[in-house]
Amino acid sequence: MKSWLAVVLLGVVTSAPAWAGPPDVDGPPFRVEWSASETSTGVRLQGWVYNESRYTVTNVRLHIESMDGDGRATAQTFSWVFGDVPAGGRTDFAVPELPVAPSYRVTVIWFDRVTLTRP
């Protein structure tokens, strides 16, 4: 009887990782599209964050870098995408004031998963 209990407990312990949900490397892939327009005080960046995962996400944080002609970052700022970004959907964002630069790089550096919405 004790050996049967040991086999059951061993099965439960070794099966635990299967109940843990997806690994962190299965995080939502994002695609960012943006355009820049000059203002009287600098540049306004606006665009879309596309969430190509099965998870609705929130608290999406953007890292925006102003790049020089050689591709080096000359300035940086951070911004939030307001609201949720639905699974398979998109949400807009705007950064009202950036320094004028030849190009910009926008990356998602943070997010929180809300729920699994698509199988």
N, C-alpha and C. Protein backbone atom coordinates (compact mmCIF):
# COMPACT_ATOMS: atom_id res chain seq x y z
N MET A 1 0.82 -1.20 0.00
CA MET A 1 0.00 0.00 0.00
C MET A 1 0.86 1.26 0.00
N LYS A 2 1.96 1.27 0.77
CA LYS A 2 2.83 2.44 0.82
C LYS A 2 3.49 2.68 -0.54
N SER A 3 3.87 1.63 -1.28
CA SER A 3 4.51 1.82 -2.58
C SER A 3 3.53 2.43 -3.58
N TRP A 4 2.26 2.10 -3.52
CA TRP A 4 1.25 2.69 -4.40
C TRP A 4 1.13 4.19 -4.14
N LEU A 5 1.13 4.57 -2.86
CA LEU A 5 1.06 5.98 -2.49
C LEU A 5 2.29 6.73 -2.97
N ALA A 6 3.46 6.11 -2.87
CA ALA A 6 4.69 6.76 -3.33
C ALA A 6 4.64 6.99 -4.83
N VAL A 7 4.12 6.05 -5.61
CA VAL A 7 4.01 6.20 -7.06
C VAL A 7 3.05 7.33 -7.40
N VAL A 8 1.92 7.43 -6.72
CA VAL A 8 0.95 8.50 -6.96
C VAL A 8 1.57 9.85 -6.63
N LEU A 9 2.24 9.97 -5.48
CA LEU A 9 2.87 11.24 -5.10
C LEU A 9 3.98 11.62 -6.08
N LEU A 10 4.76 10.65 -6.53
CA LEU A 10 5.80 10.92 -7.51
C LEU A 10 5.19 11.43 -8.80
N GLY A 11 4.07 10.86 -9.23
CA GLY A 11 3.38 11.31 -10.45
C GLY A 11 2.88 12.73 -10.31
N VAL A 12 2.35 13.09 -9.15
CA VAL A 12 1.86 14.45 -8.92
C VAL A 12 3.01 15.43 -8.92
N VAL A 13 4.11 15.11 -8.27
CA VAL A 13 5.25 16.02 -8.20
C VAL A 13 5.87 16.21 -9.58
N THR A 14 6.05 15.15 -10.36
CA THR A 14 6.67 15.30 -11.66
C THR A 14 5.73 15.90 -12.69
N SER A 15 4.42 15.89 -12.45
CA SER A 15 3.46 16.47 -13.38
C SER A 15 3.24 17.96 -13.12
N ALA A 16 3.71 18.48 -12.01
CA ALA A 16 3.42 19.86 -11.63
C ALA A 16 3.76 20.88 -12.72
N PRO A 17 4.90 20.79 -13.41
CA PRO A 17 5.18 21.81 -14.42
C PRO A 17 4.14 21.88 -15.53
N ALA A 18 3.45 20.81 -15.82
CA ALA A 18 2.43 20.82 -16.86
C ALA A 18 1.25 21.71 -16.48
N TRP A 19 1.05 21.97 -15.22
CA TRP A 19 -0.06 22.79 -14.76
C TRP A 19 0.32 24.27 -14.67
N ALA A 20 1.55 24.61 -14.97
CA ALA A 20 2.05 25.95 -14.69
C ALA A 20 1.71 26.99 -15.75
N GLY A 21 1.11 26.62 -16.86
CA GLY A 21 0.80 27.59 -17.90
C GLY A 21 1.97 27.77 -18.84
N PRO A 22 1.82 28.65 -19.82
CA PRO A 22 2.87 28.81 -20.83
C PRO A 22 4.14 29.41 -20.24
N PRO A 23 5.31 29.04 -20.78
CA PRO A 23 6.55 29.63 -20.30
C PRO A 23 6.66 31.09 -20.72
N ASP A 24 7.54 31.82 -20.07
CA ASP A 24 7.72 33.25 -20.37
C ASP A 24 8.16 33.49 -21.81
N VAL A 25 8.89 32.53 -22.42
CA VAL A 25 9.33 32.73 -23.79
C VAL A 25 8.16 32.70 -24.77
N ASP A 26 6.99 32.29 -24.30
CA ASP A 26 5.79 32.26 -25.12
C ASP A 26 5.06 33.59 -25.01
N GLY A 27 5.77 34.64 -24.63
CA GLY A 27 5.16 35.95 -24.43
C GLY A 27 4.64 36.54 -25.72
N PRO A 28 3.75 37.50 -25.60
CA PRO A 28 3.14 38.10 -26.79
C PRO A 28 4.16 38.76 -27.71
N PRO A 29 4.11 38.42 -28.98
CA PRO A 29 4.94 39.16 -29.94
C PRO A 29 4.22 40.45 -30.34
N PHE A 30 4.94 41.52 -30.40
CA PHE A 30 4.37 42.81 -30.76
C PHE A 30 4.98 43.30 -32.07
N ARG A 31 4.18 44.03 -32.78
CA ARG A 31 4.64 44.74 -33.97
C ARG A 31 4.22 46.19 -33.78
N VAL A 32 5.13 47.11 -34.04
CA VAL A 32 4.85 48.53 -33.85
C VAL A 32 4.97 49.24 -35.20
N GLU A 33 3.94 49.99 -35.56
CA GLU A 33 3.97 50.86 -36.74
C GLU A 33 3.80 52.28 -36.26
N TRP A 34 4.55 53.20 -36.84
CA TRP A 34 4.46 54.59 -36.40
C TRP A 34 4.82 55.53 -37.53
N SER A 35 4.44 56.79 -37.34
CA SER A 35 4.84 57.85 -38.25
C SER A 35 5.20 59.07 -37.40
N ALA A 36 6.09 59.88 -37.94
CA ALA A 36 6.53 61.08 -37.24
C ALA A 36 6.10 62.31 -38.01
N SER A 37 5.69 63.33 -37.29
CA SER A 37 5.34 64.60 -37.93
C SER A 37 5.97 65.73 -37.12
N GLU A 38 6.54 66.70 -37.84
CA GLU A 38 7.19 67.82 -37.16
C GLU A 38 6.15 68.77 -36.57
N THR A 39 6.48 69.29 -35.40
CA THR A 39 5.65 70.29 -34.74
C THR A 39 6.52 71.54 -34.55
N SER A 40 5.98 72.55 -33.96
CA SER A 40 6.75 73.77 -33.75
C SER A 40 7.86 73.58 -32.71
N THR A 41 7.75 72.53 -31.89
CA THR A 41 8.74 72.32 -30.82
C THR A 41 9.53 71.02 -30.95
N GLY A 42 9.30 70.25 -31.99
CA GLY A 42 10.02 68.98 -32.13
C GLY A 42 9.28 68.04 -33.08
N VAL A 43 9.08 66.82 -32.64
CA VAL A 43 8.43 65.79 -33.45
C VAL A 43 7.37 65.09 -32.63
N ARG A 44 6.23 64.82 -33.26
CA ARG A 44 5.16 64.02 -32.65
C ARG A 44 5.19 62.66 -33.32
N LEU A 45 5.23 61.61 -32.50
CA LEU A 45 5.23 60.24 -33.00
C LEU A 45 3.88 59.63 -32.67
N GLN A 46 3.23 59.04 -33.65
CA GLN A 46 1.96 58.35 -33.39
C GLN A 46 1.93 57.06 -34.20
N GLY A 47 1.23 56.08 -33.65
CA GLY A 47 1.20 54.81 -34.35
C GLY A 47 0.33 53.78 -33.66
N TRP A 48 0.62 52.53 -33.97
CA TRP A 48 -0.17 51.40 -33.49
C TRP A 48 0.75 50.33 -32.91
N VAL A 49 0.30 49.69 -31.83
CA VAL A 49 0.95 48.49 -31.31
C VAL A 49 0.03 47.33 -31.63
N TYR A 50 0.55 46.37 -32.40
CA TYR A 50 -0.20 45.17 -32.78
C TYR A 50 0.20 44.04 -31.85
N ASN A 51 -0.78 43.37 -31.29
CA ASN A 51 -0.57 42.24 -30.39
C ASN A 51 -0.90 40.97 -31.17
N GLU A 52 0.11 40.24 -31.59
CA GLU A 52 -0.10 39.07 -32.42
C GLU A 52 -0.09 37.78 -31.59
N SER A 53 -0.53 37.88 -30.35
CA SER A 53 -0.57 36.71 -29.47
C SER A 53 -2.01 36.31 -29.17
N ARG A 54 -2.14 35.29 -28.35
CA ARG A 54 -3.46 34.81 -27.92
C ARG A 54 -3.91 35.48 -26.63
N TYR A 55 -3.10 36.41 -26.10
CA TYR A 55 -3.39 37.04 -24.82
C TYR A 55 -3.78 38.50 -24.99
N THR A 56 -4.81 38.93 -24.29
CA THR A 56 -5.06 40.35 -24.13
C THR A 56 -4.01 40.85 -23.15
N VAL A 57 -3.39 41.99 -23.45
CA VAL A 57 -2.35 42.53 -22.57
C VAL A 57 -2.71 43.96 -22.17
N THR A 58 -2.11 44.41 -21.10
CA THR A 58 -2.31 45.76 -20.60
C THR A 58 -0.99 46.29 -20.06
N ASN A 59 -0.97 47.54 -19.63
CA ASN A 59 0.25 48.16 -19.10
C ASN A 59 1.42 48.03 -20.07
N VAL A 60 1.15 48.27 -21.34
CA VAL A 60 2.19 48.17 -22.36
C VAL A 60 3.05 49.43 -22.30
N ARG A 61 4.34 49.23 -22.11
CA ARG A 61 5.30 50.33 -21.97
C ARG A 61 6.20 50.35 -23.21
N LEU A 62 6.36 51.54 -23.79
CA LEU A 62 7.18 51.71 -24.97
C LEU A 62 8.49 52.41 -24.63
N HIS A 63 9.54 52.02 -25.32
CA HIS A 63 10.84 52.69 -25.24
C HIS A 63 11.08 53.31 -26.61
N ILE A 64 11.21 54.62 -26.66
CA ILE A 64 11.39 55.34 -27.92
C ILE A 64 12.78 55.95 -27.93
N GLU A 65 13.56 55.65 -28.97
CA GLU A 65 14.91 56.19 -29.10
C GLU A 65 15.00 57.06 -30.35
N SER A 66 15.61 58.21 -30.22
CA SER A 66 15.95 59.06 -31.36
C SER A 66 17.31 58.58 -31.85
N MET A 67 17.41 58.31 -33.16
CA MET A 67 18.62 57.73 -33.72
C MET A 67 19.32 58.74 -34.62
N ASP A 68 20.67 58.75 -34.58
CA ASP A 68 21.42 59.62 -35.50
C ASP A 68 21.60 58.91 -36.84
N GLY A 69 22.28 59.53 -37.77
CA GLY A 69 22.47 58.98 -39.09
C GLY A 69 23.26 57.68 -39.12
N ASP A 70 24.03 57.41 -38.07
CA ASP A 70 24.81 56.17 -37.98
C ASP A 70 24.09 55.07 -37.22
N GLY A 71 22.85 55.32 -36.82
CA GLY A 71 22.07 54.31 -36.11
C GLY A 71 22.33 54.25 -34.62
N ARG A 72 22.95 55.28 -34.06
CA ARG A 72 23.19 55.34 -32.62
C ARG A 72 22.09 56.15 -31.94
N ALA A 73 21.69 55.70 -30.76
CA ALA A 73 20.67 56.42 -30.00
C ALA A 73 21.27 57.72 -29.45
N THR A 74 20.55 58.82 -29.67
CA THR A 74 21.00 60.12 -29.18
C THR A 74 20.11 60.64 -28.06
N ALA A 75 18.91 60.11 -27.95
CA ALA A 75 17.98 60.50 -26.89
C ALA A 75 16.98 59.36 -26.72
N GLN A 76 16.35 59.31 -25.56
CA GLN A 76 15.35 58.28 -25.32
C GLN A 76 14.23 58.81 -24.44
N THR A 77 13.09 58.19 -24.55
CA THR A 77 11.96 58.50 -23.68
C THR A 77 11.12 57.24 -23.56
N PHE A 78 10.19 57.27 -22.65
CA PHE A 78 9.29 56.14 -22.43
C PHE A 78 7.86 56.64 -22.49
N SER A 79 6.96 55.75 -22.91
CA SER A 79 5.55 56.12 -22.99
C SER A 79 4.71 54.87 -22.73
N TRP A 80 3.45 55.09 -22.43
CA TRP A 80 2.50 54.00 -22.20
C TRP A 80 1.52 53.92 -23.36
N VAL A 81 1.04 52.72 -23.62
CA VAL A 81 -0.10 52.51 -24.51
C VAL A 81 -1.30 52.43 -23.57
N PHE A 82 -2.25 53.34 -23.71
CA PHE A 82 -3.37 53.38 -22.78
C PHE A 82 -4.39 52.31 -23.11
N GLY A 83 -4.87 51.64 -22.07
CA GLY A 83 -5.88 50.60 -22.24
C GLY A 83 -5.27 49.26 -22.59
N ASP A 84 -6.15 48.32 -22.86
CA ASP A 84 -5.74 46.97 -23.22
C ASP A 84 -5.44 46.87 -24.71
N VAL A 85 -4.58 45.92 -25.06
CA VAL A 85 -4.33 45.58 -26.46
C VAL A 85 -4.89 44.18 -26.64
N PRO A 86 -6.00 44.03 -27.36
CA PRO A 86 -6.65 42.72 -27.46
C PRO A 86 -5.81 41.71 -28.24
N ALA A 87 -6.01 40.46 -27.94
CA ALA A 87 -5.33 39.39 -28.67
C ALA A 87 -5.66 39.50 -30.15
N GLY A 88 -4.63 39.51 -30.99
CA GLY A 88 -4.84 39.63 -32.42
C GLY A 88 -5.29 41.01 -32.86
N GLY A 89 -5.22 41.99 -31.96
CA GLY A 89 -5.72 43.33 -32.28
C GLY A 89 -4.63 44.38 -32.17
N ARG A 90 -5.06 45.63 -32.13
CA ARG A 90 -4.12 46.74 -32.05
C ARG A 90 -4.70 47.86 -31.20
N THR A 91 -3.81 48.72 -30.72
CA THR A 91 -4.19 49.91 -29.97
C THR A 91 -3.23 51.03 -30.37
N ASP A 92 -3.76 52.24 -30.45
CA ASP A 92 -2.93 53.36 -30.89
C ASP A 92 -2.17 53.98 -29.73
N PHE A 93 -1.15 54.75 -30.07
CA PHE A 93 -0.38 55.49 -29.09
C PHE A 93 0.10 56.79 -29.74
N ALA A 94 0.50 57.74 -28.90
CA ALA A 94 1.06 59.00 -29.37
C ALA A 94 2.09 59.48 -28.36
N VAL A 95 3.19 59.99 -28.89
CA VAL A 95 4.23 60.61 -28.07
C VAL A 95 4.33 62.04 -28.59
N PRO A 96 3.88 63.01 -27.79
CA PRO A 96 3.71 64.37 -28.32
C PRO A 96 4.98 65.14 -28.60
N GLU A 97 6.08 64.87 -27.92
CA GLU A 97 7.25 65.72 -28.13
C GLU A 97 8.54 64.92 -28.03
N LEU A 98 9.22 64.85 -29.16
CA LEU A 98 10.52 64.20 -29.26
C LEU A 98 11.48 65.17 -29.95
N PRO A 99 12.79 65.00 -29.73
CA PRO A 99 13.73 65.83 -30.48
C PRO A 99 13.75 65.40 -31.94
N VAL A 100 14.03 66.33 -32.81
CA VAL A 100 14.12 66.03 -34.24
C VAL A 100 15.34 65.13 -34.45
N ALA A 101 15.14 64.04 -35.21
CA ALA A 101 16.22 63.08 -35.49
C ALA A 101 15.98 62.45 -36.86
N PRO A 102 17.03 61.90 -37.47
CA PRO A 102 16.85 61.23 -38.77
C PRO A 102 15.92 60.03 -38.71
N SER A 103 15.92 59.32 -37.57
CA SER A 103 15.03 58.17 -37.43
C SER A 103 14.75 57.90 -35.96
N TYR A 104 13.82 56.97 -35.71
CA TYR A 104 13.42 56.61 -34.36
C TYR A 104 13.29 55.10 -34.28
N ARG A 105 13.45 54.59 -33.07
CA ARG A 105 13.24 53.17 -32.82
C ARG A 105 12.25 53.05 -31.67
N VAL A 106 11.18 52.28 -31.90
CA VAL A 106 10.14 52.10 -30.89
C VAL A 106 10.04 50.62 -30.56
N THR A 107 10.20 50.27 -29.29
CA THR A 107 10.10 48.87 -28.87
C THR A 107 9.21 48.74 -27.64
N VAL A 108 8.55 47.60 -27.53
CA VAL A 108 7.76 47.27 -26.34
C VAL A 108 8.72 46.68 -25.33
N ILE A 109 8.77 47.27 -24.13
CA ILE A 109 9.69 46.77 -23.11
C ILE A 109 8.98 46.17 -21.91
N TRP A 110 7.66 46.35 -21.83
CA TRP A 110 6.93 45.83 -20.66
C TRP A 110 5.49 45.62 -21.03
N PHE A 111 4.85 44.62 -20.44
CA PHE A 111 3.43 44.39 -20.58
C PHE A 111 2.99 43.43 -19.49
N ASP A 112 1.70 43.42 -19.20
CA ASP A 112 1.10 42.44 -18.30
C ASP A 112 0.03 41.68 -19.06
N ARG A 113 0.01 40.38 -18.90
CA ARG A 113 -1.04 39.57 -19.51
C ARG A 113 -2.33 39.74 -18.71
N VAL A 114 -3.43 39.85 -19.43
CA VAL A 114 -4.74 39.96 -18.76
C VAL A 114 -5.42 38.60 -18.79
N THR A 115 -5.60 38.06 -19.99
CA THR A 115 -6.30 36.79 -20.10
C THR A 115 -6.00 36.14 -21.44
N LEU A 116 -6.11 34.83 -21.47
CA LEU A 116 -6.01 34.07 -22.71
C LEU A 116 -7.36 34.20 -23.40
N THR A 117 -7.37 34.75 -24.61
CA THR A 117 -8.67 34.99 -25.25
C THR A 117 -8.88 34.20 -26.53
N ARG A 118 -7.80 33.63 -27.08
CA ARG A 118 -7.95 32.80 -28.28
C ARG A 118 -7.20 31.50 -28.07
N PRO A 119 -7.79 30.37 -28.49
CA PRO A 119 -7.10 29.09 -28.32
C PRO A 119 -5.90 28.95 -29.22
